[in-house]
Amino acid sequence: MLLLFGLTTPWTALLLTVDMAVAILAVHFKDGFFMPKGYEFPLTLVAATLALLLAGPVAASVDGSRSGLRPLRAKPGRQSAIATVCGRPS
């Protein structure tokens, strides 16, 4: 729930990363890499929570709004990446 609302994003992501790393080492590693009992999915969760840990909160989160983060916008006169791919002007 904390990650969903963006509260204490770095701390929550760190705790979940450690939790999944311990689960891999204690339970899943002996069963190999592939599913259903392997460490493939927990390793994916480690990667996702590590990405959240490194990226930090975004502007739409509660942490982001409290810290004054602003949403990314294209500079005036430049197209956004989505508009460039879709072929539409921004």
C-alpha atoms as a PDB file:
ATOM      1  CA  MET A   1       0.000   0.000   0.000  1.00  0.00           C
ATOM      2  CA  LEU A   2       2.884   2.365   0.725  1.00  0.00           C
ATOM      3  CA  LEU A   3       4.254   1.939  -2.800  1.00  0.00           C
ATOM      4  CA  LEU A   4       0.803   2.339  -4.305  1.00  0.00           C
ATOM      5  CA  PHE A   5       0.349   5.787  -2.778  1.00  0.00           C
ATOM      6  CA  GLY A   6       3.991   6.761  -3.070  1.00  0.00           C
ATOM      7  CA  LEU A   7       4.639   7.069   0.644  1.00  0.00           C
ATOM      8  CA  THR A   8       8.208   6.426   1.756  1.00  0.00           C
ATOM      9  CA  THR A   9       9.030   4.970  -1.664  1.00  0.00           C
ATOM     10  CA  PRO A  10      12.789   4.444  -1.132  1.00  0.00           C
ATOM     11  CA  TRP A  11      12.377   2.760   2.258  1.00  0.00           C
ATOM     12  CA  THR A  12       9.539   0.520   1.131  1.00  0.00           C
ATOM     13  CA  ALA A  13      11.381  -0.471  -2.043  1.00  0.00           C
ATOM     14  CA  LEU A  14      14.515  -1.246  -0.029  1.00  0.00           C
ATOM     15  CA  LEU A  15      12.598  -3.480   2.394  1.00  0.00           C
ATOM     16  CA  LEU A  16      10.865  -5.340  -0.445  1.00  0.00           C
ATOM     17  CA  THR A  17      14.178  -5.798  -2.287  1.00  0.00           C
ATOM     18  CA  VAL A  18      15.804  -7.295   0.802  1.00  0.00           C
ATOM     19  CA  ASP A  19      12.742  -9.475   1.440  1.00  0.00           C
ATOM     20  CA  MET A  20      12.805 -10.946  -2.084  1.00  0.00           C
ATOM     21  CA  ALA A  21      16.593 -11.429  -1.991  1.00  0.00           C
ATOM     22  CA  VAL A  22      16.260 -13.428   1.223  1.00  0.00           C
ATOM     23  CA  ALA A  23      13.386 -15.432  -0.309  1.00  0.00           C
ATOM     24  CA  ILE A  24      15.567 -16.283  -3.302  1.00  0.00           C
ATOM     25  CA  LEU A  25      18.482 -17.407  -1.155  1.00  0.00           C
ATOM     26  CA  ALA A  26      16.468 -19.254   1.492  1.00  0.00           C
ATOM     27  CA  VAL A  27      13.725 -20.906  -0.577  1.00  0.00           C
ATOM     28  CA  HIS A  28      13.916 -20.626  -4.361  1.00  0.00           C
ATOM     29  CA  PHE A  29      17.611 -20.934  -5.236  1.00  0.00           C
ATOM     30  CA  LYS A  30      17.791 -24.710  -4.722  1.00  0.00           C
ATOM     31  CA  ASP A  31      14.980 -25.270  -7.269  1.00  0.00           C
ATOM     32  CA  GLY A  32      16.826 -23.562 -10.128  1.00  0.00           C
ATOM     33  CA  PHE A  33      15.956 -20.561 -12.247  1.00  0.00           C
ATOM     34  CA  PHE A  34      12.727 -21.479 -14.028  1.00  0.00           C
ATOM     35  CA  MET A  35       9.162 -21.472 -12.703  1.00  0.00           C
ATOM     36  CA  PRO A  36       7.108 -22.781 -10.943  1.00  0.00           C
ATOM     37  CA  LYS A  37       9.434 -23.146  -7.930  1.00  0.00           C
ATOM     38  CA  GLY A  38      12.548 -21.403  -9.232  1.00  0.00           C
ATOM     39  CA  TYR A  39      13.794 -17.910  -8.522  1.00  0.00           C
ATOM     40  CA  GLU A  40      12.773 -16.401 -11.879  1.00  0.00           C
ATOM     41  CA  PHE A  41       9.764 -14.431 -10.572  1.00  0.00           C
ATOM     42  CA  PRO A  42      11.309 -13.315  -7.257  1.00  0.00           C
ATOM     43  CA  LEU A  43      14.334 -12.065  -9.217  1.00  0.00           C
ATOM     44  CA  THR A  44      11.977 -10.038 -11.422  1.00  0.00           C
ATOM     45  CA  LEU A  45      10.448  -8.531  -8.270  1.00  0.00           C
ATOM     46  CA  VAL A  46      13.940  -7.673  -6.998  1.00  0.00           C
ATOM     47  CA  ALA A  47      14.666  -5.882 -10.291  1.00  0.00           C
ATOM     48  CA  ALA A  48      11.378  -3.962 -10.151  1.00  0.00           C
ATOM     49  CA  THR A  49      11.775  -2.842  -6.549  1.00  0.00           C
ATOM     50  CA  LEU A  50      15.431  -1.974  -7.145  1.00  0.00           C
ATOM     51  CA  ALA A  51      14.330   0.233 -10.054  1.00  0.00           C
ATOM     52  CA  LEU A  52      11.862   1.979  -7.735  1.00  0.00           C
ATOM     53  CA  LEU A  53      14.589   2.389  -5.159  1.00  0.00           C
ATOM     54  CA  LEU A  54      16.962   3.993  -7.642  1.00  0.00           C
ATOM     55  CA  ALA A  55      14.336   6.133  -9.402  1.00  0.00           C
ATOM     56  CA  GLY A  56      12.654   7.398  -6.249  1.00  0.00           C
ATOM     57  CA  PRO A  57       9.203   8.957  -6.057  1.00  0.00           C
ATOM     58  CA  VAL A  58       7.583  10.560  -9.085  1.00  0.00           C
ATOM     59  CA  ALA A  59       5.672  13.820  -9.181  1.00  0.00           C
ATOM     60  CA  ALA A  60       2.280  12.087  -8.993  1.00  0.00           C
ATOM     61  CA  SER A  61       3.118  10.382  -5.689  1.00  0.00           C
ATOM     62  CA  VAL A  62       2.567  11.777  -2.213  1.00  0.00           C
ATOM     63  CA  ASP A  63       6.339  11.876  -1.600  1.00  0.00           C
ATOM     64  CA  GLY A  64       6.842  13.681  -4.904  1.00  0.00           C
ATOM     65  CA  SER A  65       4.209  16.300  -4.200  1.00  0.00           C
ATOM     66  CA  ARG A  66       5.640  16.942  -0.731  1.00  0.00           C
ATOM     67  CA  SER A  67       9.172  17.368  -2.091  1.00  0.00           C
ATOM     68  CA  GLY A  68       8.068  19.744  -4.861  1.00  0.00           C
ATOM     69  CA  LEU A  69       8.744  17.485  -7.860  1.00  0.00           C
ATOM     70  CA  ARG A  70       7.087  18.606 -11.069  1.00  0.00           C
ATOM     71  CA  PRO A  71       5.873  16.418 -13.930  1.00  0.00           C
ATOM     72  CA  LEU A  72       8.153  16.231 -16.954  1.00  0.00           C
ATOM     73  CA  ARG A  73       6.985  18.329 -19.886  1.00  0.00           C
ATOM     74  CA  ALA A  74       8.391  18.869 -23.359  1.00  0.00           C
ATOM     75  CA  LYS A  75      10.206  22.162 -23.862  1.00  0.00           C
ATOM     76  CA  PRO A  76       8.313  24.756 -25.898  1.00  0.00           C
ATOM     77  CA  GLY A  77       8.839  24.221 -29.633  1.00  0.00           C
ATOM     78  CA  ARG A  78       9.927  20.587 -29.213  1.00  0.00           C
ATOM     79  CA  GLN A  79       7.900  17.452 -29.689  1.00  0.00           C
ATOM     80  CA  SER A  80       7.542  14.883 -26.967  1.00  0.00           C
ATOM     81  CA  ALA A  81       8.886  11.372 -27.591  1.00  0.00           C
ATOM     82  CA  ILE A  82       5.346   9.966 -27.839  1.00  0.00           C
ATOM     83  CA  ALA A  83       4.330  12.582 -30.414  1.00  0.00           C
ATOM     84  CA  THR A  84       7.471  11.812 -32.423  1.00  0.00           C
ATOM     85  CA  VAL A  85       6.734   8.076 -32.483  1.00  0.00           C
ATOM     86  CA  CYS A  86       3.041   8.547 -33.266  1.00  0.00           C
ATOM     87  CA  GLY A  87       3.749  11.176 -35.911  1.00  0.00           C
ATOM     88  CA  ARG A  88       1.541  13.793 -34.282  1.00  0.00           C
ATOM     89  CA  PRO A  89       2.652  17.260 -33.252  1.00  0.00           C
ATOM     90  CA  SER A  90       2.440  17.969 -29.531  1.00  0.00           C
END
